[in-house]
Amino acid sequence: MPKDEWQGIWPFDFRAEYDAGTKADDAAMKANRHWWQQQNKSLGQDCDKLPGCWLPRGHQGDCQPMFERGDHIKVMFQGENGSPENGCG
């Protein structure tokens, strides 16, 4: 599918990336990840291991989330000093 068709179905805001000072190569990589994630979602094959991972369900290796600078994420560690079983977390 040509890029123009992807952009029509799953738009990526290139203008916002340009205005934010994102380098062209970095914006292209972000767009590519965005389109892959949207395509996987439309097929019901989006990764179910980690929210925001753009890789397809059942992928090998680590998840590749699309977090941005400034995003807030919650991390939980298992073990004596922080596991939910001990009332922490």
N, C-alpha and C. Protein backbone atom coordinates (compact mmCIF):
# COMPACT_ATOMS: atom_id res chain seq x y z
N MET A 1 0.85 -1.18 0.00
CA MET A 1 0.00 0.00 0.00
C MET A 1 0.89 1.24 0.00
N PRO A 2 0.68 2.16 -0.91
CA PRO A 2 1.49 3.38 -0.96
C PRO A 2 1.28 4.27 0.27
N LYS A 3 2.28 5.07 0.59
CA LYS A 3 2.24 5.94 1.77
C LYS A 3 1.00 6.84 1.77
N ASP A 4 0.62 7.36 0.63
CA ASP A 4 -0.54 8.25 0.58
C ASP A 4 -1.81 7.55 1.04
N GLU A 5 -1.94 6.27 0.76
CA GLU A 5 -3.10 5.52 1.23
C GLU A 5 -3.04 5.33 2.74
N TRP A 6 -1.86 5.01 3.29
CA TRP A 6 -1.72 4.86 4.74
C TRP A 6 -2.05 6.16 5.44
N GLN A 7 -1.52 7.25 4.90
CA GLN A 7 -1.72 8.56 5.51
C GLN A 7 -3.21 8.93 5.49
N GLY A 8 -3.93 8.51 4.48
CA GLY A 8 -5.36 8.78 4.41
C GLY A 8 -6.16 8.00 5.44
N ILE A 9 -5.72 6.78 5.73
CA ILE A 9 -6.44 5.92 6.67
C ILE A 9 -5.98 6.17 8.11
N TRP A 10 -4.67 6.23 8.31
CA TRP A 10 -4.09 6.40 9.65
C TRP A 10 -3.18 7.62 9.63
N PRO A 11 -3.73 8.83 9.70
CA PRO A 11 -2.91 10.03 9.54
C PRO A 11 -1.83 10.18 10.60
N PHE A 12 -0.68 10.64 10.17
CA PHE A 12 0.44 10.96 11.05
C PHE A 12 0.69 12.46 10.88
N ASP A 13 0.83 13.17 11.99
CA ASP A 13 0.94 14.63 11.96
C ASP A 13 2.39 15.07 11.72
N PHE A 14 2.78 15.09 10.46
CA PHE A 14 4.12 15.52 10.11
C PHE A 14 4.35 16.99 10.48
N ARG A 15 3.33 17.82 10.35
CA ARG A 15 3.46 19.24 10.66
C ARG A 15 3.83 19.43 12.13
N ALA A 16 3.17 18.69 13.01
CA ALA A 16 3.47 18.80 14.45
C ALA A 16 4.91 18.37 14.73
N GLU A 17 5.37 17.34 14.05
CA GLU A 17 6.75 16.88 14.23
C GLU A 17 7.73 17.96 13.76
N TYR A 18 7.44 18.56 12.61
CA TYR A 18 8.29 19.63 12.09
C TYR A 18 8.32 20.81 13.05
N ASP A 19 7.12 21.20 13.53
CA ASP A 19 7.02 22.33 14.46
C ASP A 19 7.74 22.05 15.77
N ALA A 20 7.81 20.78 16.17
CA ALA A 20 8.49 20.41 17.41
C ALA A 20 10.00 20.29 17.23
N GLY A 21 10.47 20.44 15.98
CA GLY A 21 11.90 20.38 15.72
C GLY A 21 12.43 18.98 15.51
N THR A 22 11.55 18.03 15.27
CA THR A 22 11.97 16.65 15.03
C THR A 22 12.71 16.58 13.70
N LYS A 23 13.86 15.91 13.70
CA LYS A 23 14.63 15.73 12.47
C LYS A 23 13.82 14.87 11.50
N ALA A 24 14.02 15.10 10.21
CA ALA A 24 13.24 14.41 9.17
C ALA A 24 13.35 12.88 9.29
N ASP A 25 14.56 12.37 9.51
CA ASP A 25 14.73 10.91 9.64
C ASP A 25 13.97 10.37 10.84
N ASP A 26 14.00 11.11 11.95
CA ASP A 26 13.29 10.68 13.16
C ASP A 26 11.78 10.72 12.96
N ALA A 27 11.29 11.75 12.27
CA ALA A 27 9.86 11.84 11.99
C ALA A 27 9.42 10.69 11.09
N ALA A 28 10.25 10.33 10.12
CA ALA A 28 9.92 9.22 9.23
C ALA A 28 9.84 7.91 10.01
N MET A 29 10.77 7.70 10.94
CA MET A 29 10.74 6.48 11.76
C MET A 29 9.49 6.45 12.65
N LYS A 30 9.13 7.60 13.23
CA LYS A 30 7.93 7.67 14.06
C LYS A 30 6.68 7.38 13.23
N ALA A 31 6.63 7.93 12.02
CA ALA A 31 5.50 7.67 11.14
C ALA A 31 5.41 6.20 10.79
N ASN A 32 6.54 5.58 10.49
CA ASN A 32 6.56 4.17 10.15
C ASN A 32 6.04 3.32 11.30
N ARG A 33 6.49 3.59 12.53
CA ARG A 33 6.01 2.84 13.70
C ARG A 33 4.52 3.07 13.90
N HIS A 34 4.08 4.32 13.72
CA HIS A 34 2.66 4.66 13.87
C HIS A 34 1.82 3.84 12.89
N TRP A 35 2.23 3.83 11.62
CA TRP A 35 1.46 3.10 10.61
C TRP A 35 1.45 1.61 10.85
N TRP A 36 2.59 1.04 11.30
CA TRP A 36 2.62 -0.39 11.62
C TRP A 36 1.68 -0.70 12.77
N GLN A 37 1.71 0.13 13.81
CA GLN A 37 0.84 -0.11 14.96
C GLN A 37 -0.64 -0.03 14.54
N GLN A 38 -0.99 0.97 13.76
CA GLN A 38 -2.38 1.11 13.33
C GLN A 38 -2.81 -0.05 12.45
N GLN A 39 -1.94 -0.50 11.57
CA GLN A 39 -2.27 -1.63 10.71
C GLN A 39 -2.44 -2.89 11.54
N ASN A 40 -1.56 -3.13 12.50
CA ASN A 40 -1.69 -4.31 13.36
C ASN A 40 -3.00 -4.26 14.15
N LYS A 41 -3.36 -3.07 14.66
CA LYS A 41 -4.62 -2.92 15.39
C LYS A 41 -5.81 -3.25 14.49
N SER A 42 -5.78 -2.75 13.26
CA SER A 42 -6.91 -2.96 12.35
C SER A 42 -7.10 -4.44 12.02
N LEU A 43 -6.02 -5.20 12.07
CA LEU A 43 -6.08 -6.63 11.80
C LEU A 43 -6.31 -7.46 13.06
N GLY A 44 -6.40 -6.78 14.22
CA GLY A 44 -6.55 -7.49 15.49
C GLY A 44 -5.29 -8.24 15.88
N GLN A 45 -4.16 -7.77 15.39
CA GLN A 45 -2.88 -8.43 15.65
C GLN A 45 -1.90 -7.52 16.39
N ASP A 46 -2.41 -6.52 17.12
CA ASP A 46 -1.51 -5.65 17.86
C ASP A 46 -0.95 -6.38 19.07
N CYS A 47 0.22 -5.99 19.49
CA CYS A 47 0.93 -6.64 20.60
C CYS A 47 0.06 -6.59 21.86
N ASP A 48 -0.04 -7.72 22.54
CA ASP A 48 -0.82 -7.77 23.78
C ASP A 48 0.08 -7.85 25.01
N LYS A 49 1.39 -7.69 24.81
CA LYS A 49 2.34 -7.75 25.92
C LYS A 49 2.52 -6.40 26.60
N LEU A 50 2.59 -5.33 25.80
CA LEU A 50 2.89 -4.01 26.33
C LEU A 50 2.09 -2.96 25.56
N PRO A 51 1.26 -2.17 26.26
CA PRO A 51 0.52 -1.11 25.55
C PRO A 51 1.49 -0.16 24.85
N GLY A 52 1.16 0.18 23.63
CA GLY A 52 2.00 1.11 22.88
C GLY A 52 3.07 0.45 22.03
N CYS A 53 3.22 -0.87 22.14
CA CYS A 53 4.20 -1.57 21.30
C CYS A 53 3.64 -1.61 19.87
N TRP A 54 4.45 -1.22 18.91
CA TRP A 54 3.98 -1.16 17.53
C TRP A 54 4.17 -2.47 16.78
N LEU A 55 4.83 -3.44 17.38
CA LEU A 55 5.08 -4.71 16.72
C LEU A 55 3.83 -5.60 16.75
N PRO A 56 3.75 -6.59 15.86
CA PRO A 56 2.57 -7.45 15.84
C PRO A 56 2.55 -8.45 16.99
N ARG A 57 1.37 -8.94 17.30
CA ARG A 57 1.18 -9.95 18.34
C ARG A 57 2.08 -11.16 18.05
N GLY A 58 2.70 -11.68 19.09
CA GLY A 58 3.56 -12.85 18.96
C GLY A 58 4.95 -12.56 18.45
N HIS A 59 5.34 -11.28 18.41
CA HIS A 59 6.67 -10.94 17.89
C HIS A 59 7.75 -11.54 18.80
N GLN A 60 8.92 -11.70 18.23
CA GLN A 60 10.07 -12.19 18.99
C GLN A 60 10.87 -11.00 19.50
N GLY A 61 11.56 -11.20 20.61
CA GLY A 61 12.38 -10.13 21.17
C GLY A 61 11.56 -9.18 22.02
N ASP A 62 12.22 -8.09 22.41
CA ASP A 62 11.59 -7.11 23.29
C ASP A 62 10.53 -6.30 22.55
N CYS A 63 9.55 -5.83 23.31
CA CYS A 63 8.55 -4.91 22.77
C CYS A 63 9.23 -3.60 22.40
N GLN A 64 8.64 -2.90 21.47
CA GLN A 64 9.14 -1.61 21.01
C GLN A 64 8.04 -0.57 21.19
N PRO A 65 7.89 -0.03 22.40
CA PRO A 65 6.82 0.94 22.64
C PRO A 65 7.09 2.27 21.95
N MET A 66 6.04 3.03 21.75
CA MET A 66 6.15 4.32 21.09
C MET A 66 6.06 5.45 22.10
N PHE A 67 6.72 5.31 23.23
CA PHE A 67 6.69 6.36 24.23
C PHE A 67 7.45 7.59 23.73
N GLU A 68 7.01 8.75 24.18
CA GLU A 68 7.63 10.01 23.82
C GLU A 68 8.27 10.63 25.05
N ARG A 69 9.22 11.52 24.84
CA ARG A 69 9.81 12.26 25.94
C ARG A 69 8.69 12.98 26.68
N GLY A 70 8.68 12.85 28.00
CA GLY A 70 7.65 13.49 28.81
C GLY A 70 6.48 12.58 29.14
N ASP A 71 6.38 11.41 28.49
CA ASP A 71 5.32 10.47 28.84
C ASP A 71 5.56 9.94 30.24
N HIS A 72 4.49 9.67 30.96
CA HIS A 72 4.59 9.08 32.29
C HIS A 72 4.21 7.61 32.18
N ILE A 73 5.05 6.76 32.74
CA ILE A 73 4.77 5.33 32.72
C ILE A 73 4.84 4.79 34.14
N LYS A 74 4.13 3.71 34.40
CA LYS A 74 4.15 3.08 35.71
C LYS A 74 4.96 1.80 35.59
N VAL A 75 5.91 1.63 36.49
CA VAL A 75 6.76 0.45 36.50
C VAL A 75 6.57 -0.25 37.83
N MET A 76 6.35 -1.56 37.80
CA MET A 76 6.21 -2.34 39.03
C MET A 76 7.28 -3.43 39.03
N PHE A 77 7.98 -3.54 40.14
CA PHE A 77 9.03 -4.54 40.28
C PHE A 77 8.58 -5.63 41.24
N GLN A 78 8.89 -6.85 40.91
CA GLN A 78 8.58 -7.95 41.81
C GLN A 78 9.75 -8.17 42.75
N GLY A 79 9.46 -8.68 43.92
CA GLY A 79 10.51 -8.96 44.88
C GLY A 79 10.12 -8.49 46.26
N GLU A 80 10.98 -8.72 47.22
CA GLU A 80 10.67 -8.39 48.61
C GLU A 80 10.37 -6.92 48.83
N ASN A 81 11.07 -6.03 48.19
CA ASN A 81 10.93 -4.60 48.47
C ASN A 81 10.07 -3.87 47.46
N GLY A 82 8.94 -4.40 47.19
CA GLY A 82 8.08 -3.68 46.26
C GLY A 82 7.08 -4.54 45.54
N SER A 83 6.98 -5.81 45.91
CA SER A 83 6.02 -6.63 45.21
C SER A 83 4.62 -6.37 45.77
N PRO A 84 3.61 -6.46 44.93
CA PRO A 84 2.25 -6.24 45.40
C PRO A 84 1.84 -7.18 46.53
N GLU A 85 2.44 -8.36 46.60
CA GLU A 85 2.10 -9.31 47.65
C GLU A 85 2.47 -8.78 49.04
N ASN A 86 3.43 -7.87 49.11
CA ASN A 86 3.87 -7.33 50.39
C ASN A 86 3.16 -6.02 50.73
N GLY A 87 2.14 -5.67 50.00
CA GLY A 87 1.39 -4.46 50.29
C GLY A 87 2.00 -3.21 49.69
N CYS A 88 3.08 -3.32 48.94
CA CYS A 88 3.69 -2.16 48.31
C CYS A 88 3.30 -2.17 46.83
N GLY A 89 3.46 -1.07 46.18
CA GLY A 89 3.23 -1.03 44.73
C GLY A 89 2.07 -0.27 44.44
